[in-house]
């Protein structure tokens, strides 16, 4: 197989894949304005043709590690229950 024939080497929509060393910066720039979730980052980056082989996983992982999102994100809480009295 020649370079450029593999979907991984070809990228998306004819664009070359993002080099690994640029992934962190691309994720930061996509996430910072509104602290959007991993799936939205992925969709947001796919629209203009950004691509790298682990983009979907990297987007989700990036959001899970974002300190602002950890502090202020939509957290799943157990329903409130009355505490027993002794």
PDB file of N, CA and C in Angstrom:
ATOM      1  N   UNK A   1       0.845  -1.172   0.000  1.00  0.00           N
ATOM      2  CA  UNK A   1       0.000   0.000   0.000  1.00  0.00           C
ATOM      3  C   UNK A   1       0.894   1.241   0.000  1.00  0.00           C
ATOM      4  N   UNK A   2       0.606   2.183  -0.870  1.00  0.00           N
ATOM      5  CA  UNK A   2       1.391   3.410  -0.962  1.00  0.00           C
ATOM      6  C   UNK A   2       0.883   4.424   0.055  1.00  0.00           C
ATOM      7  N   UNK A   3       1.789   5.320   0.480  1.00  0.00           N
ATOM      8  CA  UNK A   3       1.403   6.394   1.379  1.00  0.00           C
ATOM      9  C   UNK A   3       0.276   7.196   0.747  1.00  0.00           C
ATOM     10  N   UNK A   4      -0.737   7.484   1.528  1.00  0.00           N
ATOM     11  CA  UNK A   4      -1.874   8.237   1.023  1.00  0.00           C
ATOM     12  C   UNK A   4      -3.056   7.361   0.649  1.00  0.00           C
ATOM     13  N   UNK A   5      -2.861   6.046   0.526  1.00  0.00           N
ATOM     14  CA  UNK A   5      -3.963   5.149   0.188  1.00  0.00           C
ATOM     15  C   UNK A   5      -4.725   4.701   1.427  1.00  0.00           C
ATOM     16  N   UNK A   6      -4.041   4.602   2.546  1.00  0.00           N
ATOM     17  CA  UNK A   6      -4.685   4.191   3.783  1.00  0.00           C
ATOM     18  C   UNK A   6      -5.516   5.352   4.320  1.00  0.00           C
ATOM     19  N   UNK A   7      -6.733   5.089   4.850  1.00  0.00           N
ATOM     20  CA  UNK A   7      -7.510   6.182   5.426  1.00  0.00           C
ATOM     21  C   UNK A   7      -6.770   6.873   6.565  1.00  0.00           C
ATOM     22  N   UNK A   8      -5.955   6.128   7.300  1.00  0.00           N
ATOM     23  CA  UNK A   8      -5.204   6.729   8.404  1.00  0.00           C
ATOM     24  C   UNK A   8      -4.159   7.697   7.865  1.00  0.00           C
ATOM     25  N   UNK A   9      -3.514   7.347   6.773  1.00  0.00           N
ATOM     26  CA  UNK A   9      -2.488   8.212   6.209  1.00  0.00           C
ATOM     27  C   UNK A   9      -3.087   9.317   5.347  1.00  0.00           C
ATOM     28  N   UNK A  10      -4.279   9.078   4.831  1.00  0.00           N
ATOM     29  CA  UNK A  10      -4.914  10.038   3.929  1.00  0.00           C
ATOM     30  C   UNK A  10      -5.577  11.176   4.697  1.00  0.00           C
ATOM     31  N   UNK A  11      -6.038  10.917   5.896  1.00  0.00           N
ATOM     32  CA  UNK A  11      -6.741  11.937   6.648  1.00  0.00           C
ATOM     33  C   UNK A  11      -8.228  11.891   6.351  1.00  0.00           C
ATOM     34  N   UNK A  12      -8.884  13.022   6.469  1.00  0.00           N
ATOM     35  CA  UNK A  12     -10.334  13.112   6.300  1.00  0.00           C
ATOM     36  C   UNK A  12     -10.632  14.202   5.283  1.00  0.00           C
ATOM     37  N   UNK A  13     -11.543  13.936   4.376  1.00  0.00           N
ATOM     38  CA  UNK A  13     -11.908  14.896   3.334  1.00  0.00           C
ATOM     39  C   UNK A  13     -10.699  15.352   2.525  1.00  0.00           C
ATOM     40  N   UNK A  14      -9.733  14.455   2.356  1.00  0.00           N
ATOM     41  CA  UNK A  14      -8.551  14.785   1.574  1.00  0.00           C
ATOM     42  C   UNK A  14      -7.492  15.572   2.317  1.00  0.00           C
ATOM     43  N   UNK A  15      -7.770  15.938   3.574  1.00  0.00           N
ATOM     44  CA  UNK A  15      -6.790  16.672   4.375  1.00  0.00           C
ATOM     45  C   UNK A  15      -5.812  15.684   4.995  1.00  0.00           C
ATOM     46  N   UNK A  16      -4.549  16.059   5.135  1.00  0.00           N
ATOM     47  CA  UNK A  16      -3.602  15.162   5.806  1.00  0.00           C
ATOM     48  C   UNK A  16      -3.923  15.089   7.295  1.00  0.00           C
ATOM     49  N   UNK A  17      -3.568  13.983   7.955  1.00  0.00           N
ATOM     50  CA  UNK A  17      -3.821  13.894   9.395  1.00  0.00           C
ATOM     51  C   UNK A  17      -2.975  14.903  10.163  1.00  0.00           C
ATOM     52  N   UNK A  18      -3.467  15.308  11.328  1.00  0.00           N
ATOM     53  CA  UNK A  18      -2.739  16.235  12.196  1.00  0.00           C
ATOM     54  C   UNK A  18      -1.545  15.490  12.790  1.00  0.00           C
ATOM     55  N   UNK A  19      -0.358  16.078  12.769  1.00  0.00           N
ATOM     56  CA  UNK A  19       0.796  15.426  13.405  1.00  0.00           C
ATOM     57  C   UNK A  19       0.570  15.274  14.910  1.00  0.00           C
ATOM     58  N   UNK A  20       1.041  14.197  15.482  1.00  0.00           N
ATOM     59  CA  UNK A  20       0.844  13.891  16.905  1.00  0.00           C
ATOM     60  C   UNK A  20       1.285  15.046  17.804  1.00  0.00           C
ATOM     61  N   UNK A  21       2.362  15.724  17.424  1.00  0.00           N
ATOM     62  CA  UNK A  21       2.880  16.806  18.275  1.00  0.00           C
ATOM     63  C   UNK A  21       1.959  18.031  18.288  1.00  0.00           C
ATOM     64  N   UNK A  22       0.993  18.113  17.370  1.00  0.00           N
ATOM     65  CA  UNK A  22       0.062  19.246  17.323  1.00  0.00           C
ATOM     66  C   UNK A  22      -1.295  18.937  17.948  1.00  0.00           C
ATOM     67  N   UNK A  23      -1.535  17.703  18.315  1.00  0.00           N
ATOM     68  CA  UNK A  23      -2.849  17.272  18.804  1.00  0.00           C
ATOM     69  C   UNK A  23      -3.269  18.035  20.056  1.00  0.00           C
ATOM     70  N   UNK A  24      -2.401  18.170  21.044  1.00  0.00           N
ATOM     71  CA  UNK A  24      -2.747  18.842  22.300  1.00  0.00           C
ATOM     72  C   UNK A  24      -3.202  20.276  22.040  1.00  0.00           C
ATOM     73  N   UNK A  25      -2.478  20.994  21.216  1.00  0.00           N
ATOM     74  CA  UNK A  25      -2.826  22.383  20.919  1.00  0.00           C
ATOM     75  C   UNK A  25      -4.169  22.471  20.192  1.00  0.00           C
ATOM     76  N   UNK A  26      -4.407  21.586  19.249  1.00  0.00           N
ATOM     77  CA  UNK A  26      -5.676  21.583  18.508  1.00  0.00           C
ATOM     78  C   UNK A  26      -6.838  21.313  19.469  1.00  0.00           C
ATOM     79  N   UNK A  27      -6.674  20.353  20.383  1.00  0.00           N
ATOM     80  CA  UNK A  27      -7.725  20.050  21.358  1.00  0.00           C
ATOM     81  C   UNK A  27      -7.970  21.233  22.289  1.00  0.00           C
ATOM     82  N   UNK A  28      -6.901  21.874  22.758  1.00  0.00           N
ATOM     83  CA  UNK A  28      -7.045  23.034  23.644  1.00  0.00           C
ATOM     84  C   UNK A  28      -7.813  24.154  22.958  1.00  0.00           C
ATOM     85  N   UNK A  29      -7.470  24.440  21.716  1.00  0.00           N
ATOM     86  CA  UNK A  29      -8.133  25.517  20.983  1.00  0.00           C
ATOM     87  C   UNK A  29      -9.602  25.197  20.705  1.00  0.00           C
ATOM     88  N   UNK A  30      -9.926  23.941  20.475  1.00  0.00           N
ATOM     89  CA  UNK A  30     -11.311  23.555  20.212  1.00  0.00           C
ATOM     90  C   UNK A  30     -12.150  23.545  21.489  1.00  0.00           C
ATOM     91  N   UNK A  31     -11.543  23.210  22.608  1.00  0.00           N
ATOM     92  CA  UNK A  31     -12.270  23.035  23.867  1.00  0.00           C
ATOM     93  C   UNK A  31     -12.408  24.332  24.668  1.00  0.00           C
ATOM     94  N   UNK A  32     -11.405  25.182  24.639  1.00  0.00           N
ATOM     95  CA  UNK A  32     -11.330  26.351  25.514  1.00  0.00           C
ATOM     96  C   UNK A  32     -12.502  27.328  25.429  1.00  0.00           C
ATOM     97  N   UNK A  33     -13.004  27.689  24.252  1.00  0.00           N
ATOM     98  CA  UNK A  33     -14.043  28.730  24.218  1.00  0.00           C
ATOM     99  C   UNK A  33     -15.297  28.413  25.032  1.00  0.00           C
ATOM    100  N   UNK A  34     -15.778  27.201  25.017  1.00  0.00           N
ATOM    101  CA  UNK A  34     -17.012  26.908  25.738  1.00  0.00           C
ATOM    102  C   UNK A  34     -16.957  25.665  26.582  1.00  0.00           C
ATOM    103  N   UNK A  35     -15.769  25.077  26.734  1.00  0.00           N
ATOM    104  CA  UNK A  35     -15.594  23.830  27.486  1.00  0.00           C
ATOM    105  C   UNK A  35     -16.620  22.795  27.040  1.00  0.00           C
ATOM    106  N   UNK A  36     -16.673  22.581  25.728  1.00  0.00           N
ATOM    107  CA  UNK A  36     -17.600  21.614  25.155  1.00  0.00           C
ATOM    108  C   UNK A  36     -17.122  20.190  25.424  1.00  0.00           C
ATOM    109  N   UNK A  37     -18.036  19.250  25.366  1.00  0.00           N
ATOM    110  CA  UNK A  37     -17.723  17.852  25.641  1.00  0.00           C
ATOM    111  C   UNK A  37     -16.941  17.184  24.524  1.00  0.00           C
ATOM    112  N   UNK A  38     -16.496  15.967  24.800  1.00  0.00           N
ATOM    113  CA  UNK A  38     -15.660  15.219  23.872  1.00  0.00           C
ATOM    114  C   UNK A  38     -16.298  14.965  22.522  1.00  0.00           C
ATOM    115  N   UNK A  39     -17.579  14.575  22.504  1.00  0.00           N
ATOM    116  CA  UNK A  39     -18.260  14.304  21.232  1.00  0.00           C
ATOM    117  C   UNK A  39     -18.402  15.580  20.413  1.00  0.00           C
ATOM    118  N   UNK A  40     -18.675  16.703  21.083  1.00  0.00           N
ATOM    119  CA  UNK A  40     -18.805  17.972  20.359  1.00  0.00           C
ATOM    120  C   UNK A  40     -17.452  18.441  19.833  1.00  0.00           C
ATOM    121  N   UNK A  41     -16.391  18.221  20.597  1.00  0.00           N
ATOM    122  CA  UNK A  41     -15.053  18.567  20.097  1.00  0.00           C
ATOM    123  C   UNK A  41     -14.772  17.765  18.838  1.00  0.00           C
ATOM    124  N   UNK A  42     -15.053  16.485  18.894  1.00  0.00           N
ATOM    125  CA  UNK A  42     -14.823  15.605  17.746  1.00  0.00           C
ATOM    126  C   UNK A  42     -15.588  16.112  16.521  1.00  0.00           C
ATOM    127  N   UNK A  43     -16.876  16.396  16.685  1.00  0.00           N
ATOM    128  CA  UNK A  43     -17.688  16.902  15.570  1.00  0.00           C
ATOM    129  C   UNK A  43     -17.167  18.248  15.072  1.00  0.00           C
ATOM    130  N   UNK A  44     -16.813  19.123  16.017  1.00  0.00           N
ATOM    131  CA  UNK A  44     -16.307  20.457  15.685  1.00  0.00           C
ATOM    132  C   UNK A  44     -15.020  20.368  14.863  1.00  0.00           C
ATOM    133  N   UNK A  45     -14.155  19.429  15.193  1.00  0.00           N
ATOM    134  CA  UNK A  45     -12.887  19.277  14.477  1.00  0.00           C
ATOM    135  C   UNK A  45     -13.061  18.575  13.134  1.00  0.00           C
ATOM    136  N   UNK A  46     -14.030  17.670  13.034  1.00  0.00           N
ATOM    137  CA  UNK A  46     -14.252  16.953  11.779  1.00  0.00           C
ATOM    138  C   UNK A  46     -14.805  17.879  10.690  1.00  0.00           C
ATOM    139  N   UNK A  47     -15.584  18.876  11.074  1.00  0.00           N
ATOM    140  CA  UNK A  47     -16.221  19.759  10.095  1.00  0.00           C
ATOM    141  C   UNK A  47     -15.214  20.416   9.147  1.00  0.00           C
ATOM    142  N   UNK A  48     -14.141  21.043   9.662  1.00  0.00           N
ATOM    143  CA  UNK A  48     -13.179  21.641   8.725  1.00  0.00           C
ATOM    144  C   UNK A  48     -12.180  20.635   8.159  1.00  0.00           C
ATOM    145  N   UNK A  49     -12.238  19.394   8.634  1.00  0.00           N
ATOM    146  CA  UNK A  49     -11.366  18.361   8.074  1.00  0.00           C
ATOM    147  C   UNK A  49     -10.189  17.964   8.936  1.00  0.00           C
ATOM    148  N   UNK A  50     -10.172  18.377  10.210  1.00  0.00           N
ATOM    149  CA  UNK A  50      -9.109  17.902  11.103  1.00  0.00           C
ATOM    150  C   UNK A  50      -9.251  16.401  11.277  1.00  0.00           C
ATOM    151  N   UNK A  51      -8.126  15.720  11.414  1.00  0.00           N
ATOM    152  CA  UNK A  51      -8.182  14.273  11.601  1.00  0.00           C
ATOM    153  C   UNK A  51      -6.857  13.760  12.137  1.00  0.00           C
ATOM    154  N   UNK A  52      -6.934  12.799  13.038  1.00  0.00           N
ATOM    155  CA  UNK A  52      -5.819  11.929  13.409  1.00  0.00           C
ATOM    156  C   UNK A  52      -6.448  10.636  13.882  1.00  0.00           C
ATOM    157  N   UNK A  53      -5.721   9.545  13.820  1.00  0.00           N
ATOM    158  CA  UNK A  53      -6.327   8.224  14.048  1.00  0.00           C
ATOM    159  C   UNK A  53      -7.049   8.048  15.380  1.00  0.00           C
ATOM    160  N   UNK A  54      -6.596   8.684  16.450  1.00  0.00           N
ATOM    161  CA  UNK A  54      -7.216   8.489  17.768  1.00  0.00           C
ATOM    162  C   UNK A  54      -8.012   9.721  18.207  1.00  0.00           C
ATOM    163  N   UNK A  55      -8.523  10.478  17.260  1.00  0.00           N
ATOM    164  CA  UNK A  55      -9.159  11.760  17.560  1.00  0.00           C
ATOM    165  C   UNK A  55     -10.366  11.629  18.489  1.00  0.00           C
ATOM    166  N   UNK A  56     -11.217  10.650  18.272  1.00  0.00           N
ATOM    167  CA  UNK A  56     -12.420  10.505  19.098  1.00  0.00           C
ATOM    168  C   UNK A  56     -12.048  10.176  20.547  1.00  0.00           C
ATOM    169  N   UNK A  57     -11.138   9.257  20.737  1.00  0.00           N
ATOM    170  CA  UNK A  57     -10.687   8.875  22.081  1.00  0.00           C
ATOM    171  C   UNK A  57      -9.961  10.037  22.746  1.00  0.00           C
ATOM    172  N   UNK A  58      -9.079  10.702  22.005  1.00  0.00           N
ATOM    173  CA  UNK A  58      -8.321  11.828  22.554  1.00  0.00           C
ATOM    174  C   UNK A  58      -9.240  12.967  22.978  1.00  0.00           C
ATOM    175  N   UNK A  59     -10.301  13.218  22.221  1.00  0.00           N
ATOM    176  CA  UNK A  59     -11.249  14.285  22.563  1.00  0.00           C
ATOM    177  C   UNK A  59     -11.943  13.987  23.889  1.00  0.00           C
ATOM    178  N   UNK A  60     -12.408  12.762  24.060  1.00  0.00           N
ATOM    179  CA  UNK A  60     -13.084  12.372  25.303  1.00  0.00           C
ATOM    180  C   UNK A  60     -12.124  12.420  26.485  1.00  0.00           C
ATOM    181  N   UNK A  61     -10.915  11.931  26.296  1.00  0.00           N
ATOM    182  CA  UNK A  61      -9.914  11.930  27.367  1.00  0.00           C
ATOM    183  C   UNK A  61      -9.543  13.352  27.759  1.00  0.00           C
ATOM    184  N   UNK A  62      -9.407  14.233  26.780  1.00  0.00           N
ATOM    185  CA  UNK A  62      -9.055  15.624  27.052  1.00  0.00           C
ATOM    186  C   UNK A  62     -10.088  16.275  27.966  1.00  0.00           C
ATOM    187  N   UNK A  63     -11.368  16.071  27.668  1.00  0.00           N
ATOM    188  CA  UNK A  63     -12.435  16.664  28.475  1.00  0.00           C
ATOM    189  C   UNK A  63     -12.433  16.081  29.886  1.00  0.00           C
ATOM    190  N   UNK A  64     -12.207  14.787  30.023  1.00  0.00           N
ATOM    191  CA  UNK A  64     -12.175  14.159  31.345  1.00  0.00           C
ATOM    192  C   UNK A  64     -11.051  14.714  32.209  1.00  0.00           C
ATOM    193  N   UNK A  65      -9.989  15.202  31.586  1.00  0.00           N
ATOM    194  CA  UNK A  65      -8.838  15.731  32.329  1.00  0.00           C
ATOM    195  C   UNK A  65      -8.884  17.245  32.514  1.00  0.00           C
ATOM    196  N   UNK A  66      -9.876  17.907  31.948  1.00  0.00           N
ATOM    197  CA  UNK A  66      -9.990  19.361  32.056  1.00  0.00           C
ATOM    198  C   UNK A  66     -10.424  19.723  33.481  1.00  0.00           C
ATOM    199  N   UNK A  67      -9.594  20.505  34.179  1.00  0.00           N
ATOM    200  CA  UNK A  67      -9.898  20.853  35.574  1.00  0.00           C
ATOM    201  C   UNK A  67     -11.168  21.691  35.694  1.00  0.00           C
ATOM    202  N   UNK A  68     -11.375  22.626  34.775  1.00  0.00           N
ATOM    203  CA  UNK A  68     -12.583  23.456  34.816  1.00  0.00           C
ATOM    204  C   UNK A  68     -13.824  22.590  34.644  1.00  0.00           C
ATOM    205  N   UNK A  69     -13.785  21.657  33.712  1.00  0.00           N
ATOM    206  CA  UNK A  69     -14.934  20.774  33.483  1.00  0.00           C
ATOM    207  C   UNK A  69     -15.172  19.854  34.678  1.00  0.00           C
ATOM    208  N   UNK A  70     -14.109  19.434  35.330  1.00  0.00           N
ATOM    209  CA  UNK A  70     -14.258  18.589  36.514  1.00  0.00           C
ATOM    210  C   UNK A  70     -14.943  19.353  37.635  1.00  0.00           C
ATOM    211  N   UNK A  71     -14.627  20.637  37.788  1.00  0.00           N
ATOM    212  CA  UNK A  71     -15.208  21.435  38.864  1.00  0.00           C
ATOM    213  C   UNK A  71     -16.631  21.898  38.564  1.00  0.00           C
ATOM    214  N   UNK A  72     -16.918  22.234  37.311  1.00  0.00           N
ATOM    215  CA  UNK A  72     -18.183  22.882  36.978  1.00  0.00           C
ATOM    216  C   UNK A  72     -19.051  22.110  35.995  1.00  0.00           C
ATOM    217  N   UNK A  73     -18.620  20.948  35.588  1.00  0.00           N
ATOM    218  CA  UNK A  73     -19.364  20.190  34.582  1.00  0.00           C
ATOM    219  C   UNK A  73     -20.640  19.586  35.129  1.00  0.00           C
ATOM    220  N   UNK A  74     -21.433  19.057  34.227  1.00  0.00           N
ATOM    221  CA  UNK A  74     -22.660  18.361  34.619  1.00  0.00           C
ATOM    222  C   UNK A  74     -22.276  17.018  35.214  1.00  0.00           C
ATOM    223  N   UNK A  75     -22.384  16.930  36.502  1.00  0.00           N
ATOM    224  CA  UNK A  75     -22.023  15.699  37.193  1.00  0.00           C
ATOM    225  C   UNK A  75     -23.270  14.870  37.445  1.00  0.00           C
ATOM    226  N   UNK A  76     -23.103  13.588  37.448  1.00  0.00           N
ATOM    227  CA  UNK A  76     -24.214  12.691  37.753  1.00  0.00           C
ATOM    228  C   UNK A  76     -24.207  12.466  39.262  1.00  0.00           C
ATOM    229  N   UNK A  77     -25.285  12.844  39.896  1.00  0.00           N
ATOM    230  CA  UNK A  77     -25.393  12.705  41.344  1.00  0.00           C
ATOM    231  C   UNK A  77     -26.485  11.690  41.673  1.00  0.00           C
ATOM    232  N   UNK A  78     -26.301  11.014  42.786  1.00  0.00           N
ATOM    233  CA  UNK A  78     -27.354  10.136  43.285  1.00  0.00           C
ATOM    234  C   UNK A  78     -28.484  11.022  43.806  1.00  0.00           C
ATOM    235  N   UNK A  79     -29.710  10.558  43.734  1.00  0.00           N
ATOM    236  CA  UNK A  79     -30.814  11.368  44.254  1.00  0.00           C
ATOM    237  C   UNK A  79     -30.643  11.608  45.755  1.00  0.00           C
ATOM    238  N   UNK A  80     -31.086  12.766  46.207  1.00  0.00           N
ATOM    239  CA  UNK A  80     -30.989  13.104  47.624  1.00  0.00           C
ATOM    240  C   UNK A  80     -31.911  12.196  48.435  1.00  0.00           C
ATOM    241  N   UNK A  81     -31.418  11.755  49.561  1.00  0.00           N
ATOM    242  CA  UNK A  81     -32.232  10.945  50.472  1.00  0.00           C
ATOM    243  C   UNK A  81     -32.120  11.538  51.867  1.00  0.00           C
ATOM    244  N   UNK A  82     -33.157  11.329  52.654  1.00  0.00           N
ATOM    245  CA  UNK A  82     -33.139  11.840  54.017  1.00  0.00           C
ATOM    246  C   UNK A  82     -32.170  11.019  54.852  1.00  0.00           C
ATOM    247  N   UNK A  83     -31.373  11.709  55.644  1.00  0.00           N
ATOM    248  CA  UNK A  83     -30.411  11.020  56.499  1.00  0.00           C
ATOM    249  C   UNK A  83     -31.125  10.468  57.729  1.00  0.00           C
ATOM    250  N   UNK A  84     -30.741   9.283  58.158  1.00  0.00           N
ATOM    251  CA  UNK A  84     -31.385   8.712  59.350  1.00  0.00           C
ATOM    252  C   UNK A  84     -30.978   9.486  60.605  1.00  0.00           C
ATOM    253  N   UNK A  85     -31.895   9.572  61.556  1.00  0.00           N
ATOM    254  CA  UNK A  85     -31.585  10.215  62.837  1.00  0.00           C
ATOM    255  C   UNK A  85     -31.345   9.138  63.876  1.00  0.00           C
ATOM    256  N   UNK A  86     -30.448   9.412  64.770  1.00  0.00           N
ATOM    257  CA  UNK A  86     -30.131   8.430  65.821  1.00  0.00           C
ATOM    258  C   UNK A  86     -30.513   8.927  67.158  1.00  0.00           C
TER     259      UNK A  86
END
